[in-house]
Protein backbone atom coordinates (compact mmCIF):
# COMPACT_ATOMS: atom_id res chain seq x y z
CA UNK A 1 -0.08 0.01 -0.13
CA UNK A 2 2.73 2.47 1.04
CA UNK A 3 5.94 0.02 1.40
CA UNK A 4 8.22 2.83 2.13
CA UNK A 5 9.08 6.63 2.58
CA UNK A 6 12.36 8.39 2.20
CA UNK A 7 14.24 10.98 4.51
CA UNK A 8 16.90 12.43 2.26
CA UNK A 9 18.93 9.53 1.37
CA UNK A 10 17.43 6.85 4.02
CA UNK A 11 14.72 4.85 2.68
CA UNK A 12 12.52 3.39 5.61
CA UNK A 13 10.43 0.30 5.04
CA UNK A 14 7.31 0.32 6.79
CA UNK A 15 7.58 -3.60 7.61
CA UNK A 16 10.80 -2.76 9.50
CA UNK A 17 9.17 0.01 11.44
CA UNK A 18 6.22 -1.99 12.16
CA UNK A 19 8.43 -4.82 13.49
CA UNK A 20 10.31 -2.55 15.78
CA UNK A 21 7.34 -0.70 17.00
CA UNK A 22 5.71 -4.21 17.61
CA UNK A 23 8.66 -5.02 19.77
CA UNK A 24 9.07 -2.06 21.91
CA UNK A 25 5.11 -2.47 22.77
CA UNK A 26 5.38 -6.19 23.51
CA UNK A 27 8.27 -5.58 25.96
CA UNK A 28 6.82 -2.32 27.30
CA UNK A 29 3.51 -4.01 28.34
CA UNK A 30 5.18 -7.16 29.71
CA UNK A 31 7.48 -4.55 31.84
CA UNK A 32 4.27 -2.64 32.84
CA UNK A 33 2.38 -5.54 33.77
CA UNK A 34 4.71 -7.75 35.41
CA UNK A 35 5.55 -4.61 37.76
CA UNK A 36 2.00 -4.09 38.61
CA UNK A 37 1.41 -7.86 39.21
CA UNK A 38 4.61 -8.42 41.29
CA UNK A 39 6.39 -10.66 38.64
CA UNK A 40 10.06 -10.64 38.14
CA UNK A 41 10.36 -8.84 34.80
CA UNK A 42 14.37 -9.75 35.06
CA UNK A 43 13.04 -13.58 34.60
CA UNK A 44 11.56 -12.64 31.22
CA UNK A 45 14.08 -10.20 30.15
CA UNK A 46 16.75 -12.93 30.46
CA UNK A 47 14.51 -15.25 28.36
CA UNK A 48 13.87 -12.46 25.54
CA UNK A 49 16.83 -13.53 23.45
CA UNK A 50 15.73 -17.29 23.36
CA UNK A 51 12.22 -16.33 22.35
CA UNK A 52 13.67 -13.77 19.57
CA UNK A 53 16.03 -16.50 18.25
CA UNK A 54 13.37 -19.25 18.11
CA UNK A 55 10.60 -17.26 16.30
CA UNK A 56 13.16 -15.86 14.18
CA UNK A 57 14.80 -19.14 13.21
CA UNK A 58 11.40 -21.06 12.95
CA UNK A 59 9.68 -18.61 10.98
CA UNK A 60 12.51 -18.16 8.34
CA UNK A 61 13.22 -22.09 8.38
CA UNK A 62 9.51 -23.01 7.96
CA UNK A 63 9.06 -20.45 5.06
CA UNK A 64 12.42 -22.02 3.35
CA UNK A 65 10.76 -25.58 3.88
CA UNK A 66 7.62 -24.62 2.23
CA UNK A 67 8.83 -22.68 -0.65
CA UNK A 68 11.67 -25.29 -1.80
CA UNK A 69 10.07 -28.38 -0.77
CA UNK A 70 13.44 -29.37 1.40
CA UNK A 71 14.36 -29.68 4.88
CA UNK A 72 17.92 -29.39 4.38
CA UNK A 73 19.70 -26.18 2.91
CA UNK A 74 22.10 -27.55 -0.03
CA UNK A 75 23.79 -24.35 -0.75
CA UNK A 76 25.26 -21.29 0.91
CA UNK A 77 22.77 -19.18 -0.72
CA UNK A 78 19.91 -21.43 0.94
CA UNK A 79 21.64 -20.95 4.56
CA UNK A 80 21.62 -17.20 3.64
CA UNK A 81 18.21 -17.21 2.94
CA UNK A 82 17.24 -18.73 6.13
CA UNK A 83 19.51 -16.29 8.29
CA UNK A 84 19.09 -13.36 6.54
CA UNK A 85 16.05 -10.94 7.19
CA UNK A 86 16.09 -9.44 3.72
CA UNK A 87 12.89 -9.63 2.19
CA UNK A 88 11.05 -10.40 5.65
CA UNK A 89 10.57 -14.13 4.48
CA UNK A 90 8.96 -15.55 7.35
CA UNK A 91 5.96 -17.94 7.72
CA UNK A 92 3.11 -17.24 10.11
CA UNK A 93 3.20 -21.08 11.02
CA UNK A 94 6.81 -20.95 12.02
CA UNK A 95 6.47 -17.80 13.68
CA UNK A 96 3.55 -19.29 15.92
CA UNK A 97 5.39 -22.37 16.69
CA UNK A 98 8.55 -20.50 17.60
CA UNK A 99 6.12 -18.38 19.88
CA UNK A 100 4.74 -21.36 21.42
CA UNK A 101 7.97 -23.15 21.87
CA UNK A 102 9.55 -20.35 23.78
CA UNK A 103 6.68 -19.59 26.00
CA UNK A 104 6.58 -23.41 26.85
CA UNK A 105 10.24 -22.97 27.98
CA UNK A 106 9.55 -20.01 29.92
CA UNK A 107 6.49 -21.38 31.54
CA UNK A 108 8.49 -24.66 32.40
CA UNK A 109 10.99 -22.57 34.46
CA UNK A 110 8.10 -20.99 36.53
CA UNK A 111 7.86 -22.94 39.71
CA UNK A 112 4.16 -21.89 41.00
CA UNK A 113 0.84 -22.63 39.11
CA UNK A 114 -0.65 -19.22 40.23
CA UNK A 115 2.67 -17.29 38.74
CA UNK A 116 2.17 -19.28 35.59
CA UNK A 117 -1.59 -17.99 35.32
CA UNK A 118 -0.61 -14.37 36.03
CA UNK A 119 2.14 -14.66 33.18
CA UNK A 120 -0.62 -16.24 30.85
CA UNK A 121 -2.49 -12.95 31.39
CA UNK A 122 0.59 -10.64 30.95
CA UNK A 123 1.69 -12.35 27.57
CA UNK A 124 -2.11 -12.06 26.35
CA UNK A 125 -2.18 -8.31 26.64
CA UNK A 126 1.22 -7.98 25.58
CA UNK A 127 0.76 -9.88 22.32
CA UNK A 128 -2.72 -8.57 21.58
CA UNK A 129 -1.50 -4.90 22.07
CA UNK A 130 1.73 -5.19 20.15
CA UNK A 131 -0.11 -6.52 17.13
CA UNK A 132 -2.18 -3.33 16.79
CA UNK A 133 1.03 -1.53 15.22
CA UNK A 134 2.62 -4.47 13.52
CA UNK A 135 -0.53 -5.44 11.36
CA UNK A 136 -1.13 -1.89 10.38
CA UNK A 137 2.56 -1.53 9.14
CA UNK A 138 2.40 -4.97 7.44
CA UNK A 139 -0.55 -3.57 5.47
CA UNK A 140 1.50 -0.36 4.50
CA UNK A 141 4.49 -2.69 3.63
CA UNK A 142 2.70 -4.81 1.28
CA UNK A 143 3.27 -8.07 3.29
CA UNK A 144 -0.43 -8.62 3.66
CA UNK A 145 -2.47 -8.05 0.52
CA UNK A 146 -6.01 -8.90 1.05
CA UNK A 147 -8.40 -10.74 -1.78
CA UNK A 148 -9.59 -8.30 -4.36
CA UNK A 149 -13.07 -6.59 -3.54
CA UNK A 150 -15.33 -4.22 -5.35
CA UNK A 151 -17.08 -3.37 -2.09
CA UNK A 152 -16.56 -0.12 -0.11
CA UNK A 153 -14.40 -1.81 2.37
CA UNK A 154 -11.77 -2.13 -0.64
CA UNK A 155 -8.67 0.34 -0.52
CA UNK A 156 -6.05 1.35 -3.41
CA UNK A 157 -2.40 1.57 -3.41
CA UNK A 158 -1.05 4.99 -2.05
CA UNK A 159 2.51 4.53 -3.54
CA UNK A 160 3.59 3.79 -7.25
CA UNK A 161 6.05 0.76 -6.16
CA UNK A 162 3.22 -0.91 -4.18
CA UNK A 163 2.28 -4.41 -5.06
CA UNK A 164 -1.68 -3.31 -4.78
CA UNK A 165 -1.06 -1.58 -8.13
CA UNK A 166 -1.65 -4.80 -9.59
CA UNK A 167 -5.24 -4.87 -8.59
CA UNK A 168 -8.00 -2.41 -8.67
CA UNK A 169 -8.84 -2.48 -4.75
CA UNK A 170 -8.26 -5.12 -2.06
CA UNK A 171 -9.50 -5.72 1.33
CA UNK A 172 -7.01 -3.88 3.82
CA UNK A 173 -6.62 -7.00 5.81
CA UNK A 174 -3.90 -5.51 7.97
CA UNK A 175 -6.33 -2.88 9.07
CA UNK A 176 -8.95 -5.18 9.81
CA UNK A 177 -6.25 -7.20 11.88
CA UNK A 178 -5.05 -4.24 13.77
CA UNK A 179 -8.43 -3.19 14.81
CA UNK A 180 -9.60 -6.91 15.70
CA UNK A 181 -6.64 -7.18 18.07
CA UNK A 182 -7.33 -3.82 19.60
CA UNK A 183 -11.11 -4.82 20.18
CA UNK A 184 -10.43 -8.10 21.55
CA UNK A 185 -7.96 -6.67 24.04
CA UNK A 186 -10.48 -3.91 24.97
CA UNK A 187 -13.10 -6.51 25.01
CA UNK A 188 -11.39 -8.59 27.28
CA UNK A 189 -10.11 -5.93 29.72
CA UNK A 190 -13.62 -4.82 30.08
CA UNK A 191 -14.84 -8.07 30.77
CA UNK A 192 -12.26 -8.69 33.07
CA UNK A 193 -13.27 -5.52 35.13
CA UNK A 194 -16.81 -6.13 35.36
CA UNK A 195 -16.81 -9.97 36.04
CA UNK A 196 -13.81 -9.58 38.31
CA UNK A 197 -12.30 -12.74 36.61
CA UNK A 198 -8.50 -13.25 36.18
CA UNK A 199 -6.00 -15.62 35.11
CA UNK A 200 -7.92 -16.59 31.77
CA UNK A 201 -5.00 -15.51 29.61
CA UNK A 202 -4.67 -18.97 27.74
CA UNK A 203 -8.39 -18.88 26.74
CA UNK A 204 -8.07 -15.17 25.89
CA UNK A 205 -4.89 -15.93 23.42
CA UNK A 206 -6.83 -18.88 22.01
CA UNK A 207 -9.61 -15.95 21.13
CA UNK A 208 -7.07 -13.92 19.80
CA UNK A 209 -5.70 -16.45 17.55
CA UNK A 210 -9.08 -17.51 15.89
CA UNK A 211 -10.00 -13.74 14.90
CA UNK A 212 -6.54 -13.52 13.26
CA UNK A 213 -7.31 -16.65 11.28
CA UNK A 214 -10.87 -15.73 10.39
CA UNK A 215 -9.46 -12.67 8.89
CA UNK A 216 -6.20 -14.21 7.27
CA UNK A 217 -8.47 -16.38 5.28
CA UNK A 218 -9.27 -13.00 3.38
CA UNK A 219 -5.40 -13.02 2.58
CA UNK A 220 -3.77 -13.53 -0.88
CA UNK A 221 -0.66 -15.55 -0.27
CA UNK A 222 1.02 -18.97 -1.54
CA UNK A 223 -1.14 -21.86 0.25
CA UNK A 224 0.22 -24.98 1.35
CA UNK A 225 -1.59 -28.33 2.51
CA UNK A 226 -4.80 -26.64 1.48
CA UNK A 227 -7.96 -28.44 2.54
CA UNK A 228 -11.32 -27.01 1.17
CA UNK A 229 -14.50 -27.06 3.38
CA UNK A 230 -17.63 -26.12 1.16
CA UNK A 231 -16.48 -22.46 0.25
CA UNK A 232 -13.67 -22.18 2.80
CA UNK A 233 -10.10 -23.03 2.09
CA UNK A 234 -7.57 -23.66 4.93
CA UNK A 235 -3.83 -24.37 4.95
CA UNK A 236 -1.01 -24.89 7.15
CA UNK A 237 -1.56 -21.60 8.91
CA UNK A 238 -4.87 -22.48 10.13
CA UNK A 239 -3.84 -26.12 10.72
CA UNK A 240 -1.01 -25.08 13.06
CA UNK A 241 -3.31 -22.53 14.74
CA UNK A 242 -5.72 -25.14 15.41
CA UNK A 243 -3.33 -27.39 17.45
CA UNK A 244 -2.27 -24.18 19.18
CA UNK A 245 -5.84 -23.26 19.87
CA UNK A 246 -6.30 -26.70 21.47
CA UNK A 247 -2.86 -26.53 23.29
CA UNK A 248 -4.14 -23.35 25.23
CA UNK A 249 -7.42 -24.62 26.08
CA UNK A 250 -5.73 -27.84 27.16
CA UNK A 251 -3.40 -25.94 29.44
CA UNK A 252 -6.20 -23.83 30.76
CA UNK A 253 -8.20 -26.97 31.65
CA UNK A 254 -5.25 -28.34 33.32
CA UNK A 255 -4.15 -25.28 35.28
CA UNK A 256 -7.55 -24.85 36.50
CA UNK A 257 -8.58 -28.45 37.44
CA UNK A 258 -9.68 -28.98 40.80
CA UNK A 259 -7.19 -30.23 43.43
CA UNK A 260 -7.45 -32.80 45.91
CA UNK A 261 -6.16 -31.44 49.16
CA UNK A 262 -5.21 -34.60 51.59
CA UNK A 263 -5.45 -33.38 55.34
CA UNK A 264 -3.23 -35.08 57.97
């Protein structure tokens, strides 16, 4: 839509700006909520490099596997493709696997169940709020191009070098995802205040992921492992998301199962 702008000789890409702002938002929300809930931000900060590394590598490696149909890089170019951030070639399925794996390691190192529930809430709000700037700038950066449409919801390119110039008008799904993430966050926060229910972060993460996947069905992108159900087509993004959603629900049930207390 508007992939970059220039300041004198410097070319700034919207996708890169979005990633940086999203990361800052994520860390800032975790810092604020961890302090508010009397949790150790230092513990999270020590694990942050692990989270970044897993998300980066699995996102890039998954894209490599799907695009080349090969699990093993055969040339130096293949290795550079996996390691280099050039072109922002990261697949949503791999990113999701990286997030789940890194958080599973983080939660494993938290001793008490109550603290795990607190951190689940913290991560929900951190992820949902950091997605607001991320989706919007991915929209501007041409990384999320929606299906073509002639409805009033359609938008056109704002830049001569945008991928959107190939189409008349498309759904601005990055905007939908940004607003959807914000509405989910606001709705859950109001519900939390009204009903006074805490420690439902895993369920909220599942809801957020469902909303994201519904909107992503409107996206134009190379699909792999496609399954068609009536007029709906789902691919590896939805397959991986389904298992992550089920895993979140399973952990929620496990963490909130009644516990038998034996009195001596």
